[in-house]
Protein backbone atom coordinates (compact mmCIF):
# COMPACT_ATOMS: atom_id res chain seq x y z
CA UNK A 1 24.81 134.36 138.75
CA UNK A 2 26.12 135.66 142.09
CA UNK A 3 29.04 138.04 142.22
CA UNK A 4 32.28 137.24 143.13
CA UNK A 5 35.78 139.18 143.98
CA UNK A 6 39.31 137.72 143.76
CA UNK A 7 42.41 139.46 144.84
CA UNK A 8 45.98 138.37 143.76
CA UNK A 9 48.78 139.08 146.39
CA UNK A 10 52.18 137.56 146.59
CA UNK A 11 51.22 135.63 143.34
CA UNK A 12 48.30 133.95 144.94
CA UNK A 13 44.77 134.46 144.06
CA UNK A 14 42.18 134.53 147.07
CA UNK A 15 38.41 134.88 147.27
CA UNK A 16 37.32 138.42 149.03
CA UNK A 17 34.37 138.23 151.11
CA UNK A 18 33.15 141.94 151.43
CA UNK A 19 30.30 141.11 153.74
CA UNK A 20 27.66 142.41 151.28
CA UNK A 21 25.51 140.63 149.18
CA UNK A 22 25.54 141.58 145.17
CA UNK A 23 24.70 140.45 141.86
CA UNK A 24 27.18 139.48 139.18
CA UNK A 25 30.26 142.03 138.82
CA UNK A 26 31.21 143.21 135.28
CA UNK A 27 34.20 145.71 135.60
CA UNK A 28 36.65 147.16 138.10
CA UNK A 29 38.80 150.31 138.31
CA UNK A 30 40.42 152.50 140.71
CA UNK A 31 42.97 155.31 141.60
CA UNK A 32 44.86 153.30 144.13
CA UNK A 33 44.89 149.99 146.26
CA UNK A 34 42.64 151.89 148.86
CA UNK A 35 40.22 153.43 146.18
CA UNK A 36 38.82 150.78 143.98
CA UNK A 37 35.47 150.59 142.36
CA UNK A 38 33.37 147.56 141.29
CA UNK A 39 30.43 147.75 138.91
CA UNK A 40 27.86 145.04 138.31
CA UNK A 41 24.06 143.99 137.55
CA UNK A 42 21.27 145.78 138.90
CA UNK A 43 23.13 148.96 139.06
CA UNK A 44 25.57 147.88 141.72
CA UNK A 45 28.59 149.66 142.67
CA UNK A 46 30.92 148.56 145.40
CA UNK A 47 33.54 150.65 146.83
CA UNK A 48 36.83 149.41 148.66
CA UNK A 49 38.76 152.12 150.80
CA UNK A 50 41.56 149.89 151.91
CA UNK A 51 39.81 148.80 155.17
CA UNK A 52 36.11 148.81 154.43
CA UNK A 53 33.60 147.84 151.75
CA UNK A 54 30.60 149.86 150.91
CA UNK A 55 27.67 149.24 148.52
CA UNK A 56 27.04 152.90 147.17
CA UNK A 57 23.57 154.08 146.23
CA UNK A 58 23.16 154.70 142.68
CA UNK A 59 20.11 155.93 140.58
CA UNK A 60 19.58 153.04 138.43
CA UNK A 61 18.98 149.38 138.28
CA UNK A 62 20.47 148.90 134.71
CA UNK A 63 23.64 146.85 134.62
CA UNK A 64 26.99 148.76 134.98
CA UNK A 65 29.20 147.26 132.36
CA UNK A 66 32.33 149.64 132.63
CA UNK A 67 33.97 152.03 134.99
CA UNK A 68 36.90 154.51 134.86
CA UNK A 69 38.17 156.49 137.81
CA UNK A 70 40.12 159.85 137.04
CA UNK A 71 40.03 160.72 140.74
CA UNK A 72 38.54 159.50 144.04
CA UNK A 73 35.80 162.23 143.39
CA UNK A 74 35.66 161.98 139.55
CA UNK A 75 34.55 158.32 138.53
CA UNK A 76 32.50 157.54 135.43
CA UNK A 77 30.31 154.44 135.15
CA UNK A 78 28.38 153.10 131.95
CA UNK A 79 25.90 150.40 131.28
CA UNK A 80 22.41 149.70 129.88
CA UNK A 81 20.28 146.76 128.86
CA UNK A 82 21.10 146.19 125.13
CA UNK A 83 18.07 143.81 124.95
CA UNK A 84 15.63 146.68 126.20
CA UNK A 85 14.32 150.03 124.88
CA UNK A 86 16.03 152.04 127.50
CA UNK A 87 18.53 154.77 126.91
CA UNK A 88 22.17 153.88 127.42
CA UNK A 89 23.33 154.46 131.19
CA UNK A 90 26.02 157.01 131.87
CA UNK A 91 26.75 158.04 135.56
CA UNK A 92 29.11 160.07 137.20
CA UNK A 93 30.65 159.96 140.98
CA UNK A 94 31.63 163.21 142.68
CA UNK A 95 32.93 161.83 145.70
CA UNK A 96 29.65 161.83 147.72
CA UNK A 97 27.20 160.44 145.25
CA UNK A 98 26.22 159.13 141.84
CA UNK A 99 24.47 160.97 139.40
CA UNK A 100 23.09 160.40 135.95
CA UNK A 101 24.80 162.22 133.22
CA UNK A 102 22.68 164.23 130.66
CA UNK A 103 23.86 162.63 127.67
CA UNK A 104 22.47 163.88 124.21
CA UNK A 105 20.11 161.91 122.01
CA UNK A 106 22.31 159.94 119.81
CA UNK A 107 22.04 160.01 116.08
CA UNK A 108 23.13 156.36 115.86
CA UNK A 109 19.91 154.20 116.24
CA UNK A 110 19.35 151.56 118.79
CA UNK A 111 21.99 152.29 121.23
CA UNK A 112 20.73 150.99 124.72
CA UNK A 113 23.98 150.24 126.25
CA UNK A 114 27.72 151.69 126.82
CA UNK A 115 29.99 148.69 127.58
CA UNK A 116 33.33 150.61 128.48
CA UNK A 117 34.56 153.86 129.28
CA UNK A 118 38.22 155.07 129.57
CA UNK A 119 39.87 158.56 129.64
CA UNK A 120 43.28 160.32 129.52
CA UNK A 121 42.16 163.03 131.88
CA UNK A 122 39.03 164.81 133.34
CA UNK A 123 38.43 166.52 130.07
CA UNK A 124 39.07 163.56 127.75
CA UNK A 125 36.84 160.76 128.48
CA UNK A 126 35.49 158.18 125.93
CA UNK A 127 32.70 155.70 126.03
CA UNK A 128 31.78 152.99 123.51
CA UNK A 129 28.84 150.77 123.22
CA UNK A 130 26.25 149.06 121.26
CA UNK A 131 26.09 149.05 117.35
CA UNK A 132 29.30 151.04 117.26
CA UNK A 133 28.32 154.04 119.53
CA UNK A 134 31.25 156.43 120.60
CA UNK A 135 30.50 159.22 123.02
CA UNK A 136 33.20 161.79 124.08
CA UNK A 137 33.19 164.14 127.11
CA UNK A 138 35.38 167.25 126.97
CA UNK A 139 35.02 168.55 130.31
CA UNK A 140 31.81 170.60 129.41
CA UNK A 141 30.03 168.77 126.67
CA UNK A 142 29.38 165.45 125.23
CA UNK A 143 30.07 164.73 121.35
CA UNK A 144 29.04 161.86 119.27
CA UNK A 145 31.55 160.14 117.05
CA UNK A 146 31.40 157.51 114.62
CA UNK A 147 34.28 155.03 113.29
CA UNK A 148 32.21 153.22 110.51
CA UNK A 149 31.43 150.43 112.93
CA UNK A 150 28.19 149.00 112.97
CA UNK A 151 28.90 146.02 115.61
CA UNK A 152 28.98 146.67 119.22
CA UNK A 153 32.22 148.16 120.59
CA UNK A 154 32.98 146.36 123.85
CA UNK A 155 36.52 147.50 124.92
CA UNK A 156 38.56 150.75 125.01
CA UNK A 157 42.00 151.79 126.29
CA UNK A 158 44.67 154.42 125.30
CA UNK A 159 47.92 155.90 126.07
CA UNK A 160 46.91 159.33 125.83
CA UNK A 161 44.54 161.97 124.09
CA UNK A 162 46.08 161.24 120.62
CA UNK A 163 46.14 157.33 120.87
CA UNK A 164 43.01 155.64 121.75
CA UNK A 165 41.87 151.97 120.58
CA UNK A 166 38.52 150.42 120.81
CA UNK A 167 37.57 146.89 120.01
CA UNK A 168 34.42 144.92 119.51
CA UNK A 169 32.41 142.85 117.21
CA UNK A 170 30.05 140.03 118.24
CA UNK A 171 30.81 137.80 114.98
CA UNK A 172 34.01 139.18 113.66
CA UNK A 173 36.54 141.38 114.80
CA UNK A 174 36.32 145.20 114.84
CA UNK A 175 38.99 147.76 115.68
CA UNK A 176 39.25 151.45 115.42
CA UNK A 177 41.76 154.07 116.65
CA UNK A 178 41.51 157.77 117.51
CA UNK A 179 44.61 159.81 116.63
CA UNK A 180 43.67 162.90 118.22
CA UNK A 181 41.73 164.18 115.36
CA UNK A 182 39.69 161.32 113.74
CA UNK A 183 38.67 157.72 114.09
CA UNK A 184 39.91 155.16 111.64
CA UNK A 185 38.59 151.70 111.36
CA UNK A 186 40.38 148.42 110.84
CA UNK A 187 39.73 146.58 107.49
CA UNK A 188 37.44 143.63 107.68
CA UNK A 189 39.13 140.52 108.67
CA UNK A 190 38.25 136.82 109.72
CA UNK A 191 39.19 137.34 113.22
CA UNK A 192 36.63 136.36 115.82
CA UNK A 193 34.93 139.01 117.80
CA UNK A 194 36.94 141.12 120.34
CA UNK A 195 36.29 142.31 123.89
CA UNK A 196 39.29 143.81 125.63
CA UNK A 197 42.16 145.95 124.73
CA UNK A 198 45.18 147.39 126.96
CA UNK A 199 48.06 149.43 125.92
CA UNK A 200 51.30 150.20 127.94
CA UNK A 201 53.04 151.81 125.00
CA UNK A 202 51.52 153.72 122.07
CA UNK A 203 52.72 151.22 119.49
CA UNK A 204 51.48 147.91 120.81
CA UNK A 205 47.91 146.86 121.70
CA UNK A 206 47.38 143.79 123.56
CA UNK A 207 43.88 142.41 122.59
CA UNK A 208 41.80 139.39 123.59
CA UNK A 209 38.46 137.96 122.60
CA UNK A 210 35.97 135.12 121.74
CA UNK A 211 37.27 131.67 121.87
CA UNK A 212 40.34 132.39 123.80
CA UNK A 213 41.66 134.92 121.12
CA UNK A 214 45.10 136.53 122.33
CA UNK A 215 46.55 139.09 119.96
CA UNK A 216 49.23 141.75 119.75
CA UNK A 217 48.24 144.54 117.36
CA UNK A 218 49.84 147.55 115.83
CA UNK A 219 47.34 150.39 116.63
CA UNK A 220 48.49 152.81 113.67
CA UNK A 221 48.03 150.18 111.14
CA UNK A 222 45.81 147.43 112.90
CA UNK A 223 48.40 144.84 111.82
CA UNK A 224 48.48 141.77 113.94
CA UNK A 225 51.88 141.51 115.23
CA UNK A 226 51.40 138.04 116.84
CA UNK A 227 48.60 135.80 117.70
CA UNK A 228 48.90 132.93 120.51
CA UNK A 229 48.12 129.61 118.77
CA UNK A 230 46.71 127.29 119.55
CA UNK A 231 44.36 129.47 121.62
CA UNK A 232 45.15 129.07 125.46
CA UNK A 233 41.57 128.35 126.36
CA UNK A 234 38.34 127.58 124.65
CA UNK A 235 36.65 130.08 126.90
CA UNK A 236 35.86 133.69 125.90
CA UNK A 237 38.45 136.21 127.24
CA UNK A 238 36.67 139.41 128.18
CA UNK A 239 39.42 141.53 129.65
CA UNK A 240 43.02 142.39 129.47
CA UNK A 241 45.42 144.41 131.80
CA UNK A 242 49.03 145.00 132.65
CA UNK A 243 50.36 145.95 136.25
CA UNK A 244 53.44 147.72 137.55
CA UNK A 245 55.26 144.44 138.24
CA UNK A 246 55.61 143.86 134.57
CA UNK A 247 52.96 141.14 134.17
CA UNK A 248 49.84 141.21 131.98
CA UNK A 249 46.68 139.30 132.57
CA UNK A 250 43.73 138.19 130.67
CA UNK A 251 40.49 136.98 132.16
CA UNK A 252 37.74 134.89 130.74
CA UNK A 253 34.54 132.87 131.51
CA UNK A 254 31.57 131.23 130.29
CA UNK A 255 28.06 132.50 130.78
CA UNK A 256 26.49 129.00 131.38
CA UNK A 257 26.16 126.88 134.16
CA UNK A 258 28.16 125.40 135.48
CA UNK A 259 30.31 128.31 135.81
CA UNK A 260 33.95 128.22 134.58
CA UNK A 261 36.49 131.01 134.74
CA UNK A 262 40.24 131.40 133.97
CA UNK A 263 43.15 133.96 134.36
CA UNK A 264 45.98 133.80 131.84
CA UNK A 265 49.30 135.63 132.80
CA UNK A 266 52.82 136.26 131.66
CA UNK A 267 55.66 138.69 131.85
CA UNK A 268 55.87 142.11 129.77
CA UNK A 269 58.79 142.55 127.74
CA UNK A 270 60.14 146.10 127.55
CA UNK A 271 59.13 146.47 123.93
CA UNK A 272 55.43 145.94 124.69
């Protein structure tokens, strides 16, 4: 698979040619329209400064699965090969170079990849990954947490240090929430595995997953507020995100040839 970049302007999607060859891209995040980072396979990190593309040097060839930018000189990237025996990948960018973070040996076994990273501030950064792994950075040290989840945790987002939600599950859905003092886990359900979560308000989480699953969930109780049925697509949805224009987008694709991708979008109401 070759990487591809699309950009939406004035309601239209256009393919972007950065003039650089790169592998499959897995995630994107930035601090502004002129400070955007893209992470992908083989340790690829691309950066867009508003006028120029740069393929940044990284100290790894492992896949980058997630990025979170707190500031132009404070960016986290996570990844790893969940089929290998290598340690999970955690890197940090200081504005001039990427460096591997010295994470502790995890108590949870068989963790070879972190899939996503999100933070509310430079001293409040969460990473989630394989076999329910959860790692936190408090500005000076890493601490491992658990939420009673044994399946992979794949997506994470929040509205502040006391409201963070993670989702996952390769077979059935997993959901967990940090309330500022502890992680709580959703009861077992028949929902399919989940991949992406996004919150604009503390009381509503937008969640997407396998086979076109689209949900709105109450983070405090994990109650499903509503579910789009029938599913708008049979493809797996990998990410969901809202923007300042008041629209929400869900992105999906397959991982087999011939390639297929889909973007779903709608307007956001004030109460979500």
